Amino acid sequence: MNSPPAAPVLLFDGECGLCNRVVRLLLRLDAGGRLKYAPLQGRAAQGYLRAHGLPTEDFDSLVFVPDWNHPTKHEYLLRTEGALAALRACGALGEEFAALLGAIPARWRDRLYRLVAKWRYRIFGEWKPRPLPRPEWAERFLA
């Protein structure tokens, strides 16, 4: 019996203006609809965070879960490694962006990531919910 294909999920700060803009960019890049999303503040993400001993109230890092079908695995990526994995999951154009960004040493990428995370609300503000440009994208979000 075949197991279902890996279902990658990106957990992101659902209240962050920058984070939501990045998710919308990823939705556009991912023509195949492979990558799913869940706000860190939501029920699905909170359950995952608790089960894996990750912070449930500090949303300064995104979490990339390579296979949501097997949530008991302690397999996840944070910060820029998670962002690069999300880009790769989006397919061709995402893979090209990931290759470019991946050429930068991880310690530099993560240092910049932490700096942006610290200032993101001041620069991009809080996300004001609005309809998705494509209604079918709603199916790609976990509750």
Protein backbone atom coordinates (compact mmCIF):
# COMPACT_ATOMS: atom_id res chain seq x y z
CA MET A 1 0.00 0.00 0.00
CA ASN A 2 1.39 3.40 -0.96
CA SER A 3 1.62 6.12 1.67
CA PRO A 4 0.33 9.57 0.75
CA PRO A 5 2.92 12.00 -0.61
CA ALA A 6 4.67 14.25 1.88
CA ALA A 7 2.54 17.27 2.69
CA PRO A 8 4.76 20.27 3.49
CA VAL A 9 3.25 22.97 5.70
CA LEU A 10 4.59 26.43 6.53
CA LEU A 11 3.63 27.78 9.96
CA PHE A 12 3.79 31.59 9.92
CA ASP A 13 2.86 34.57 12.07
CA GLY A 14 -0.73 35.17 10.98
CA GLU A 15 -0.81 38.68 12.43
CA CYS A 16 2.35 39.95 10.71
CA GLY A 17 2.03 42.10 7.59
CA LEU A 18 5.36 40.93 6.15
CA CYS A 19 4.64 37.26 6.87
CA ASN A 20 1.26 37.38 5.14
CA ARG A 21 2.76 39.12 2.12
CA VAL A 22 5.42 36.40 1.89
CA VAL A 23 2.70 33.71 2.09
CA ARG A 24 0.84 35.37 -0.78
CA LEU A 25 4.04 35.42 -2.81
CA LEU A 26 4.57 31.71 -2.12
CA LEU A 27 0.97 31.00 -3.15
CA ARG A 28 1.71 32.64 -6.52
CA LEU A 29 5.00 30.75 -6.96
CA ASP A 30 3.45 27.39 -6.09
CA ALA A 31 1.38 26.71 -9.21
CA GLY A 32 1.02 23.04 -8.24
CA GLY A 33 -0.50 23.91 -4.86
CA ARG A 34 1.82 21.57 -2.98
CA LEU A 35 2.64 23.79 0.02
CA LYS A 36 0.03 24.33 2.74
CA TYR A 37 -0.04 27.09 5.38
CA ALA A 38 -1.13 27.55 8.97
CA PRO A 39 -0.93 30.68 11.14
CA LEU A 40 1.14 30.07 14.27
CA GLN A 41 -1.75 31.44 16.31
CA GLY A 42 -4.18 28.85 14.90
CA ARG A 43 -5.32 25.55 16.39
CA ALA A 44 -3.37 23.28 14.00
CA ALA A 45 -0.07 25.13 14.44
CA GLN A 46 -0.48 25.49 18.21
CA GLY A 47 -1.02 21.75 18.51
CA TYR A 48 2.10 21.06 16.44
CA LEU A 49 4.19 23.54 18.45
CA ARG A 50 3.09 22.01 21.78
CA ALA A 51 3.70 18.45 20.55
CA HIS A 52 7.26 19.35 19.53
CA GLY A 53 8.23 21.50 22.50
CA LEU A 54 8.37 24.70 20.44
CA PRO A 55 7.33 28.12 21.80
CA THR A 56 3.58 28.69 21.55
CA GLU A 57 3.61 32.45 22.12
CA ASP A 58 6.84 33.65 20.46
CA PHE A 59 6.23 34.03 16.73
CA ASP A 60 9.62 35.43 15.63
CA SER A 61 10.37 32.34 13.56
CA LEU A 62 8.46 30.53 10.89
CA VAL A 63 8.35 26.75 11.10
CA PHE A 64 8.53 24.55 8.01
CA VAL A 65 7.11 21.06 8.50
CA PRO A 66 8.29 18.82 5.63
CA ASP A 67 5.54 16.23 6.09
CA TRP A 68 2.34 17.14 7.91
CA ASN A 69 1.05 13.59 7.27
CA HIS A 70 3.49 12.36 9.92
CA PRO A 71 3.20 15.04 12.64
CA THR A 72 4.84 12.94 15.35
CA LYS A 73 8.19 13.11 13.56
CA HIS A 74 10.45 15.69 15.17
CA GLU A 75 11.31 17.08 11.79
CA TYR A 76 11.00 20.80 11.16
CA LEU A 77 13.11 23.72 9.97
CA LEU A 78 13.23 27.22 11.43
CA ARG A 79 14.12 30.70 10.17
CA THR A 80 15.97 30.83 6.84
CA GLU A 81 16.34 27.06 6.48
CA GLY A 82 12.55 26.85 6.74
CA ALA A 83 12.09 29.70 4.28
CA LEU A 84 14.42 28.05 1.77
CA ALA A 85 12.59 24.73 2.15
CA ALA A 86 9.25 26.49 1.57
CA LEU A 87 10.63 28.08 -1.59
CA ARG A 88 11.88 24.71 -2.82
CA ALA A 89 8.46 23.16 -2.17
CA CYS A 90 6.94 25.74 -4.53
CA GLY A 91 8.68 24.29 -7.57
CA ALA A 92 10.85 25.68 -10.36
CA LEU A 93 10.93 29.44 -9.72
CA GLY A 94 10.96 28.92 -5.96
CA GLU A 95 13.88 26.52 -6.32
CA GLU A 96 15.81 29.16 -8.25
CA PHE A 97 15.20 31.76 -5.52
CA ALA A 98 16.21 29.20 -2.89
CA ALA A 99 19.46 28.46 -4.74
CA LEU A 100 20.34 32.15 -4.86
CA LEU A 101 19.56 32.77 -1.20
CA GLY A 102 21.12 29.48 -0.15
CA ALA A 103 24.48 30.69 -1.48
CA ILE A 104 24.60 33.12 1.45
CA PRO A 105 26.08 31.50 4.57
CA ALA A 106 23.38 30.38 7.03
CA ARG A 107 24.75 32.41 9.92
CA TRP A 108 24.48 35.64 7.86
CA ARG A 109 21.01 34.74 6.59
CA ASP A 110 19.79 33.98 10.11
CA ARG A 111 21.32 37.15 11.51
CA LEU A 112 19.43 39.19 8.90
CA TYR A 113 16.28 37.12 9.53
CA ARG A 114 16.42 37.92 13.28
CA LEU A 115 16.91 41.61 12.55
CA VAL A 116 13.91 41.71 10.19
CA ALA A 117 11.84 39.66 12.67
CA LYS A 118 12.59 42.21 15.38
CA TRP A 119 11.45 45.17 13.25
CA ARG A 120 8.78 43.61 11.01
CA TYR A 121 5.76 44.99 12.85
CA ARG A 122 7.22 48.50 12.89
CA ILE A 123 8.01 48.40 9.17
CA PHE A 124 5.17 46.31 7.71
CA GLY A 125 2.56 46.64 10.44
CA GLU A 126 -0.06 44.22 11.60
CA TRP A 127 -1.96 42.27 8.95
CA LYS A 128 -5.43 43.46 8.25
CA PRO A 129 -7.40 40.43 7.02
CA ARG A 130 -8.63 40.70 3.46
CA PRO A 131 -9.93 38.23 0.90
CA LEU A 132 -7.42 36.11 -0.97
CA PRO A 133 -6.93 37.13 -4.62
CA ARG A 134 -7.91 33.60 -5.64
CA PRO A 135 -10.67 31.96 -3.59
CA GLU A 136 -9.28 28.47 -4.30
CA TRP A 137 -6.20 29.36 -2.26
CA ALA A 138 -8.31 29.14 0.90
CA GLU A 139 -8.17 25.33 0.65
CA ARG A 140 -4.42 25.49 1.24
CA PHE A 141 -4.76 26.87 4.77
CA LEU A 142 -5.11 24.66 7.85
CA ALA A 143 -7.42 25.77 10.65
